[in-house]
N, C-alpha and C. Protein backbone atom coordinates (compact mmCIF):
# COMPACT_ATOMS: atom_id res chain seq x y z
N UNK A 1 -25.30 -43.79 -12.13
CA UNK A 1 -23.92 -43.44 -12.88
C UNK A 1 -23.79 -41.85 -12.40
N UNK A 2 -24.87 -40.92 -12.08
CA UNK A 2 -24.47 -39.42 -11.45
C UNK A 2 -24.21 -39.50 -9.94
N UNK A 3 -24.40 -40.64 -9.70
CA UNK A 3 -23.89 -40.36 -8.34
C UNK A 3 -22.44 -40.94 -8.02
N UNK A 4 -21.94 -41.59 -8.80
CA UNK A 4 -20.53 -42.33 -9.03
C UNK A 4 -19.52 -40.76 -9.84
N UNK A 5 -20.19 -40.02 -10.50
CA UNK A 5 -19.03 -38.57 -10.77
C UNK A 5 -19.59 -37.60 -9.71
N UNK A 6 -20.77 -37.64 -8.77
CA UNK A 6 -20.86 -36.65 -7.25
C UNK A 6 -20.04 -37.57 -6.58
N UNK A 7 -19.96 -38.29 -6.32
CA UNK A 7 -18.83 -39.06 -5.83
C UNK A 7 -17.42 -38.77 -5.83
N UNK A 8 -17.09 -39.05 -7.06
CA UNK A 8 -15.51 -38.72 -7.29
C UNK A 8 -15.18 -37.62 -7.49
N UNK A 9 -16.09 -36.66 -7.64
CA UNK A 9 -15.43 -34.94 -7.72
C UNK A 9 -15.99 -34.20 -6.33
N UNK A 10 -16.61 -35.10 -5.24
CA UNK A 10 -16.80 -34.49 -3.76
C UNK A 10 -15.07 -35.36 -3.18
N UNK A 11 -14.76 -36.93 -3.76
CA UNK A 11 -13.41 -36.91 -3.12
C UNK A 11 -12.36 -36.30 -3.80
N UNK A 12 -12.45 -35.84 -4.95
CA UNK A 12 -11.31 -34.80 -5.44
C UNK A 12 -11.14 -33.68 -4.75
N UNK A 13 -12.59 -32.77 -4.45
CA UNK A 13 -11.77 -31.55 -4.12
C UNK A 13 -11.46 -32.07 -2.55
N UNK A 14 -12.05 -32.69 -1.49
CA UNK A 14 -11.86 -33.14 -0.01
C UNK A 14 -9.91 -33.32 -0.31
N UNK A 15 -9.68 -34.70 -1.39
CA UNK A 15 -8.34 -34.40 -1.48
C UNK A 15 -7.33 -33.04 -1.66
N UNK A 16 -8.16 -32.48 -2.30
CA UNK A 16 -7.44 -31.02 -2.60
C UNK A 16 -7.08 -30.49 -1.73
N UNK A 17 -8.28 -30.18 -0.88
CA UNK A 17 -8.25 -29.37 0.29
C UNK A 17 -7.36 -29.82 0.98
N UNK A 18 -7.13 -30.95 1.35
CA UNK A 18 -6.06 -31.93 2.43
C UNK A 18 -4.73 -31.57 1.83
N UNK A 19 -4.67 -31.73 0.43
CA UNK A 19 -3.07 -31.65 0.29
C UNK A 19 -2.55 -30.09 0.18
N UNK A 20 -3.52 -29.31 -0.04
CA UNK A 20 -2.86 -27.44 0.12
C UNK A 20 -2.71 -27.23 1.43
N UNK A 21 -3.89 -27.74 2.60
CA UNK A 21 -3.47 -27.24 3.68
C UNK A 21 -2.52 -28.12 4.20
N UNK A 22 -2.28 -29.10 4.16
CA UNK A 22 -0.36 -30.00 4.58
C UNK A 22 0.50 -29.33 4.20
N UNK A 23 0.70 -28.89 2.89
CA UNK A 23 1.58 -28.32 1.77
C UNK A 23 1.87 -27.04 2.94
N UNK A 24 0.88 -25.95 3.00
CA UNK A 24 0.53 -24.62 3.51
C UNK A 24 0.46 -24.76 4.96
N UNK A 25 1.16 -25.15 5.73
CA UNK A 25 0.82 -25.30 7.25
C UNK A 25 1.05 -24.02 7.53
N UNK A 26 0.02 -23.76 8.81
CA UNK A 26 1.11 -22.38 9.25
C UNK A 26 2.14 -22.89 10.02
N UNK A 27 2.69 -21.43 10.17
CA UNK A 27 4.10 -21.88 10.83
C UNK A 27 5.02 -20.01 10.44
N UNK A 28 5.90 -20.14 11.25
CA UNK A 28 6.74 -19.10 10.54
C UNK A 28 8.38 -19.66 10.54
N UNK A 29 8.96 -19.42 9.35
CA UNK A 29 9.89 -20.15 9.08
C UNK A 29 11.60 -18.21 9.09
N UNK A 30 12.22 -18.81 10.69
CA UNK A 30 13.15 -17.85 10.38
C UNK A 30 14.72 -18.57 10.11
N UNK A 31 15.31 -17.24 9.22
CA UNK A 31 16.55 -17.81 8.80
C UNK A 31 17.68 -16.29 9.17
N UNK A 32 18.45 -16.45 9.72
CA UNK A 32 19.49 -15.94 10.36
C UNK A 32 20.68 -15.79 9.83
N UNK A 33 20.92 -14.86 8.54
CA UNK A 33 22.25 -14.41 8.47
C UNK A 33 23.46 -14.01 9.65
N UNK A 34 24.34 -14.59 9.67
CA UNK A 34 25.80 -13.96 10.86
C UNK A 34 26.69 -13.46 9.99
N UNK A 35 26.46 -11.98 9.43
CA UNK A 35 27.75 -11.59 8.51
C UNK A 35 28.95 -11.10 9.51
N UNK A 36 28.83 -11.12 10.87
CA UNK A 36 29.62 -10.73 11.82
C UNK A 36 30.91 -11.53 11.67
N UNK A 37 32.14 -11.39 12.34
CA UNK A 37 33.34 -12.34 12.36
C UNK A 37 33.28 -12.98 13.82
N UNK A 38 32.48 -13.02 14.63
CA UNK A 38 32.60 -13.40 15.76
C UNK A 38 30.94 -14.73 16.21
N UNK A 39 30.82 -15.71 16.39
CA UNK A 39 30.33 -16.28 16.80
C UNK A 39 29.01 -15.91 17.86
N UNK A 40 27.82 -15.93 17.20
CA UNK A 40 26.70 -15.46 17.92
C UNK A 40 26.13 -16.36 19.14
N UNK A 41 25.72 -16.01 20.15
CA UNK A 41 24.72 -17.00 20.93
C UNK A 41 23.91 -15.77 21.97
N UNK A 42 22.75 -16.90 22.21
CA UNK A 42 22.24 -15.99 23.69
C UNK A 42 20.79 -15.30 22.83
N UNK A 43 20.91 -15.80 21.68
CA UNK A 43 19.65 -15.11 21.02
C UNK A 43 18.48 -16.06 21.26
N UNK A 44 16.92 -15.58 21.95
CA UNK A 44 15.71 -16.11 21.63
C UNK A 44 14.82 -15.70 21.04
N UNK A 45 13.59 -16.58 20.34
CA UNK A 45 12.55 -15.90 19.95
C UNK A 45 11.66 -16.00 20.90
N UNK A 46 10.50 -14.86 20.58
CA UNK A 46 9.37 -15.16 22.03
C UNK A 46 7.95 -14.39 21.30
N UNK A 47 7.26 -15.32 21.39
CA UNK A 47 5.66 -14.60 21.25
C UNK A 47 4.76 -15.40 22.00
N UNK A 48 3.34 -14.70 22.17
CA UNK A 48 2.66 -15.45 22.85
C UNK A 48 1.81 -16.91 22.15
N UNK A 49 2.20 -16.26 20.52
CA UNK A 49 1.95 -18.20 19.68
C UNK A 49 3.17 -19.24 20.13
N UNK A 50 4.02 -19.21 20.67
CA UNK A 50 4.98 -19.98 20.93
C UNK A 50 4.54 -21.01 22.53
N UNK A 51 4.65 -22.01 22.84
CA UNK A 51 4.55 -22.49 24.07
C UNK A 51 5.65 -22.02 25.30
N UNK A 52 6.75 -21.82 24.67
CA UNK A 52 7.93 -21.26 25.13
C UNK A 52 8.49 -20.42 24.42
N UNK A 53 9.70 -19.59 25.56
CA UNK A 53 10.72 -19.12 24.33
C UNK A 53 11.24 -20.00 23.79
N UNK A 54 12.20 -19.60 22.30
CA UNK A 54 12.91 -20.68 21.16
C UNK A 54 13.84 -20.20 21.54
N UNK A 55 14.97 -20.90 21.80
CA UNK A 55 16.51 -20.48 22.37
C UNK A 55 17.17 -21.07 21.04
N UNK A 56 17.63 -19.78 20.03
CA UNK A 56 18.66 -20.48 19.21
C UNK A 56 20.01 -20.47 19.45
N UNK A 57 20.09 -21.79 18.67
CA UNK A 57 21.82 -22.88 18.94
C UNK A 57 22.65 -21.28 18.47
N UNK A 58 24.01 -21.30 19.07
CA UNK A 58 25.05 -20.30 18.81
C UNK A 58 25.38 -20.57 17.18
N UNK A 59 25.22 -19.37 16.69
CA UNK A 59 25.59 -19.05 14.93
C UNK A 59 27.15 -18.71 14.68
N UNK A 60 27.77 -19.88 13.87
CA UNK A 60 29.23 -19.52 13.88
C UNK A 60 29.49 -18.45 13.24
N UNK A 61 30.63 -17.27 12.92
CA UNK A 61 30.50 -16.55 12.24
C UNK A 61 30.38 -16.55 10.81
N UNK A 62 30.02 -16.01 9.97
CA UNK A 62 30.09 -15.67 8.59
C UNK A 62 28.96 -17.22 8.30
N UNK A 63 28.01 -17.85 8.57
CA UNK A 63 27.25 -18.48 8.45
C UNK A 63 25.47 -18.37 8.95
N UNK A 64 25.10 -19.21 8.32
CA UNK A 64 23.19 -19.10 8.42
C UNK A 64 23.15 -20.64 8.71
N UNK A 65 21.80 -19.74 9.82
CA UNK A 65 20.89 -20.95 10.84
C UNK A 65 19.45 -20.06 10.30
N UNK A 66 18.46 -21.58 10.20
CA UNK A 66 16.95 -21.39 9.51
C UNK A 66 16.36 -22.30 10.55
N UNK A 67 15.49 -21.97 11.41
CA UNK A 67 14.48 -22.85 11.82
C UNK A 67 13.18 -22.39 11.69
N UNK A 68 12.40 -23.53 11.72
CA UNK A 68 10.72 -23.40 11.69
C UNK A 68 10.05 -23.78 12.69
N UNK A 69 9.37 -22.59 13.18
CA UNK A 69 8.90 -22.55 14.02
C UNK A 69 7.14 -22.84 14.22
N UNK A 70 6.20 -23.79 15.03
CA UNK A 70 5.41 -24.35 14.69
C UNK A 70 4.28 -23.52 15.72
N UNK A 71 3.47 -22.77 15.67
CA UNK A 71 2.82 -22.06 16.30
C UNK A 71 2.03 -22.80 16.90
N UNK A 72 1.46 -22.34 18.78
CA UNK A 72 0.79 -22.85 19.25
C UNK A 72 -0.70 -22.69 18.63
N UNK A 73 -1.89 -23.29 19.14
CA UNK A 73 -3.54 -23.18 18.17
C UNK A 73 -4.39 -22.44 19.42
N UNK A 74 -3.20 -22.52 20.83
CA UNK A 74 -4.17 -21.92 21.80
C UNK A 74 -3.71 -20.15 21.67
N UNK A 75 -3.98 -19.53 20.39
CA UNK A 75 -3.83 -17.73 20.40
C UNK A 75 -4.50 -17.19 19.70
N UNK A 76 -4.86 -16.10 19.42
CA UNK A 76 -5.60 -15.56 18.26
C UNK A 76 -4.87 -14.73 17.53
N UNK A 77 -4.41 -13.53 18.20
CA UNK A 77 -3.30 -12.99 17.24
C UNK A 77 -1.81 -12.95 18.90
N UNK A 78 -0.65 -12.23 17.64
CA UNK A 78 0.13 -12.11 18.74
C UNK A 78 1.49 -11.11 17.52
N UNK A 79 2.58 -11.32 18.36
CA UNK A 79 3.41 -10.65 17.68
C UNK A 79 4.76 -11.65 17.87
N UNK A 80 5.97 -11.13 17.01
CA UNK A 80 7.37 -12.27 17.51
C UNK A 80 8.63 -11.08 17.66
N UNK A 81 9.25 -11.46 18.78
CA UNK A 81 10.46 -10.54 18.96
C UNK A 81 11.42 -11.84 18.81
N UNK A 82 12.95 -11.25 18.76
CA UNK A 82 14.10 -11.88 19.14
C UNK A 82 15.04 -10.74 20.02
N UNK A 83 15.24 -11.65 21.21
CA UNK A 83 15.89 -10.91 22.10
C UNK A 83 17.35 -11.49 22.59
N UNK A 84 18.00 -10.84 22.92
CA UNK A 84 19.58 -11.25 23.51
C UNK A 84 19.94 -10.10 24.61
N UNK A 85 20.50 -10.25 25.41
CA UNK A 85 21.50 -9.29 26.17
C UNK A 85 22.54 -8.87 25.80
N UNK A 86 23.24 -7.91 26.50
CA UNK A 86 24.55 -7.26 25.70
C UNK A 86 25.54 -7.50 26.88
N UNK A 87 27.09 -7.26 26.58
CA UNK A 87 27.49 -7.42 27.80
C UNK A 87 27.13 -6.75 28.97
N UNK A 88 26.52 -5.91 29.28
CA UNK A 88 26.06 -5.53 30.60
C UNK A 88 24.69 -6.04 31.60
N UNK A 89 24.24 -6.45 30.28
CA UNK A 89 22.86 -7.75 30.65
C UNK A 89 21.91 -6.90 30.37
N UNK A 90 22.14 -5.76 29.44
CA UNK A 90 20.70 -4.88 29.47
C UNK A 90 20.10 -5.99 27.99
N UNK A 91 19.03 -6.10 28.31
CA UNK A 91 17.91 -6.61 27.12
C UNK A 91 17.73 -5.86 26.33
N UNK A 92 18.02 -6.37 25.04
CA UNK A 92 17.54 -6.05 23.64
C UNK A 92 16.32 -6.86 22.49
N UNK A 93 15.64 -5.80 22.38
CA UNK A 93 14.48 -6.90 21.67
C UNK A 93 14.44 -6.39 20.04
N UNK A 94 13.96 -7.58 19.44
CA UNK A 94 14.46 -6.78 17.82
C UNK A 94 13.07 -7.28 17.08
N UNK A 95 12.18 -6.51 16.94
CA UNK A 95 10.82 -7.35 16.31
C UNK A 95 10.91 -7.81 14.62
N UNK A 96 10.45 -9.25 15.08
CA UNK A 96 10.54 -9.71 13.58
C UNK A 96 9.04 -9.44 13.32
N UNK A 97 7.77 -10.25 13.90
CA UNK A 97 6.46 -9.90 13.36
C UNK A 97 6.14 -8.67 14.57
N UNK A 98 5.07 -7.50 13.61
CA UNK A 98 5.08 -6.61 14.50
C UNK A 98 2.89 -7.33 14.93
N UNK A 99 2.94 -8.20 13.95
CA UNK A 99 0.88 -8.46 14.19
C UNK A 99 1.22 -9.50 12.91
N UNK A 100 0.22 -10.50 13.87
CA UNK A 100 -0.09 -11.92 13.09
C UNK A 100 -0.96 -12.56 13.82
N UNK A 101 -2.04 -12.91 12.85
CA UNK A 101 -3.32 -13.91 13.13
C UNK A 101 -2.61 -15.50 13.59
N UNK A 102 -3.57 -15.83 13.90
CA UNK A 102 -4.04 -18.02 14.00
C UNK A 102 -3.74 -18.11 12.04
N UNK A 103 -3.37 -19.20 12.13
CA UNK A 103 -3.47 -19.31 10.76
C UNK A 103 -2.12 -18.75 9.73
N UNK A 104 -1.30 -17.94 10.75
CA UNK A 104 -0.12 -17.48 9.54
C UNK A 104 1.16 -18.09 9.23
N UNK A 105 1.42 -17.76 7.68
CA UNK A 105 2.57 -18.70 7.35
C UNK A 105 3.00 -17.82 6.73
N UNK A 106 4.95 -17.49 6.99
CA UNK A 106 5.33 -16.96 7.08
C UNK A 106 7.12 -17.10 6.72
N UNK A 107 8.12 -16.26 6.36
CA UNK A 107 9.32 -16.57 5.78
C UNK A 107 10.09 -14.94 6.67
N UNK A 108 10.73 -14.73 7.71
CA UNK A 108 11.71 -13.88 8.33
C UNK A 108 12.91 -14.57 7.92
N UNK A 109 13.39 -12.91 7.32
CA UNK A 109 15.27 -13.51 6.92
C UNK A 109 15.47 -11.98 8.03
N UNK A 110 16.66 -12.34 8.95
CA UNK A 110 17.53 -11.69 9.69
C UNK A 110 18.98 -11.73 8.96
N UNK A 111 19.85 -10.15 9.59
CA UNK A 111 20.92 -10.27 8.89
C UNK A 111 21.48 -9.54 10.14
N UNK A 112 22.26 -10.27 10.88
CA UNK A 112 23.24 -10.02 11.75
C UNK A 112 24.24 -9.20 11.31
N UNK A 113 24.36 -7.60 10.95
CA UNK A 113 25.34 -7.28 10.58
C UNK A 113 26.81 -6.83 10.48
N UNK A 114 26.68 -6.70 12.29
CA UNK A 114 28.12 -6.23 13.34
C UNK A 114 27.58 -6.53 14.49
N UNK A 115 28.37 -6.60 15.50
CA UNK A 115 28.70 -6.54 16.76
C UNK A 115 29.01 -5.50 17.32
N UNK A 116 29.05 -4.63 18.31
CA UNK A 116 29.77 -3.73 18.51
C UNK A 116 31.29 -3.97 20.07
N UNK A 117 31.41 -3.35 20.52
CA UNK A 117 32.19 -3.89 21.82
C UNK A 117 31.91 -4.23 22.78
N UNK A 118 30.57 -3.37 22.57
CA UNK A 118 29.07 -3.64 24.36
C UNK A 118 28.19 -4.79 23.57
N UNK A 119 28.29 -5.48 22.86
CA UNK A 119 27.82 -6.77 22.23
C UNK A 119 26.28 -6.52 22.08
N UNK A 120 26.28 -5.30 21.54
CA UNK A 120 24.67 -4.93 21.07
C UNK A 120 24.86 -4.94 19.39
N UNK A 121 24.14 -5.56 19.05
CA UNK A 121 23.96 -6.13 17.17
C UNK A 121 23.23 -5.21 16.07
N UNK A 122 23.96 -5.03 15.18
CA UNK A 122 23.09 -4.45 14.02
C UNK A 122 22.46 -5.14 13.23
N UNK A 123 20.98 -4.66 12.92
CA UNK A 123 19.99 -6.03 12.43
C UNK A 123 19.35 -5.73 11.27
N UNK A 124 19.27 -6.45 10.26
CA UNK A 124 18.09 -6.23 9.33
C UNK A 124 17.16 -7.21 9.35
N UNK A 125 16.28 -6.43 9.14
CA UNK A 125 15.07 -7.82 8.98
C UNK A 125 13.90 -8.15 8.29
N UNK A 126 13.73 -8.75 7.57
CA UNK A 126 13.07 -9.08 5.99
C UNK A 126 12.14 -9.66 6.52
N UNK A 127 10.41 -9.73 6.39
CA UNK A 127 9.44 -10.33 6.55
C UNK A 127 8.93 -10.92 5.02
N UNK A 128 8.71 -11.90 4.59
CA UNK A 128 8.25 -12.50 3.45
C UNK A 128 6.78 -12.92 3.78
N UNK A 129 5.71 -12.07 3.71
CA UNK A 129 4.34 -12.54 3.51
C UNK A 129 3.77 -13.90 2.64
N UNK A 130 3.07 -14.23 2.71
CA UNK A 130 2.72 -15.56 1.72
C UNK A 130 1.54 -15.13 1.37
N UNK A 131 1.04 -15.31 -0.07
CA UNK A 131 -0.16 -15.27 -0.14
C UNK A 131 -1.33 -16.03 0.48
N UNK A 132 -0.83 -17.26 0.76
CA UNK A 132 -1.88 -17.82 1.81
C UNK A 132 -1.44 -17.59 3.74
N UNK A 133 -1.28 -16.55 3.77
CA UNK A 133 -0.81 -16.24 4.92
C UNK A 133 -2.08 -16.61 6.11
N UNK A 134 -3.17 -16.46 5.64
CA UNK A 134 -4.27 -17.02 6.67
C UNK A 134 -5.20 -17.95 5.97
N UNK A 135 -4.83 -19.68 6.13
CA UNK A 135 -5.71 -20.26 5.33
C UNK A 135 -7.03 -20.61 6.55
N UNK A 136 -6.84 -21.01 7.28
CA UNK A 136 -8.39 -21.33 8.40
C UNK A 136 -8.30 -20.50 9.47
């Protein structure tokens, strides 16, 4: 009888750990709010935690775009930037996350407030860390 109870307790613990891990998978969710009156194109997200730079699709004026990025398993620590090129071809970088480690889980809200005649964006970035930002 005791062996059955121990087996049941161990099985419940293993199932709970599996469910918690699968619910809180590492990754980054980025929401981009385009509050401008122009469609925004050419945004890319860059990090050594990503296999390749991620191209953000065109974001219509006054709309929102959300993407969930799955992080590579082949990194220990990194940062994350979003970059674009202005009308003259100059590269502009916006820091999304200054520093994060393997197993990170978080959400980033990016607000595109305006774009000037030179193609330079006015941007606000807000990072939401999760309590479980480093699970394993």
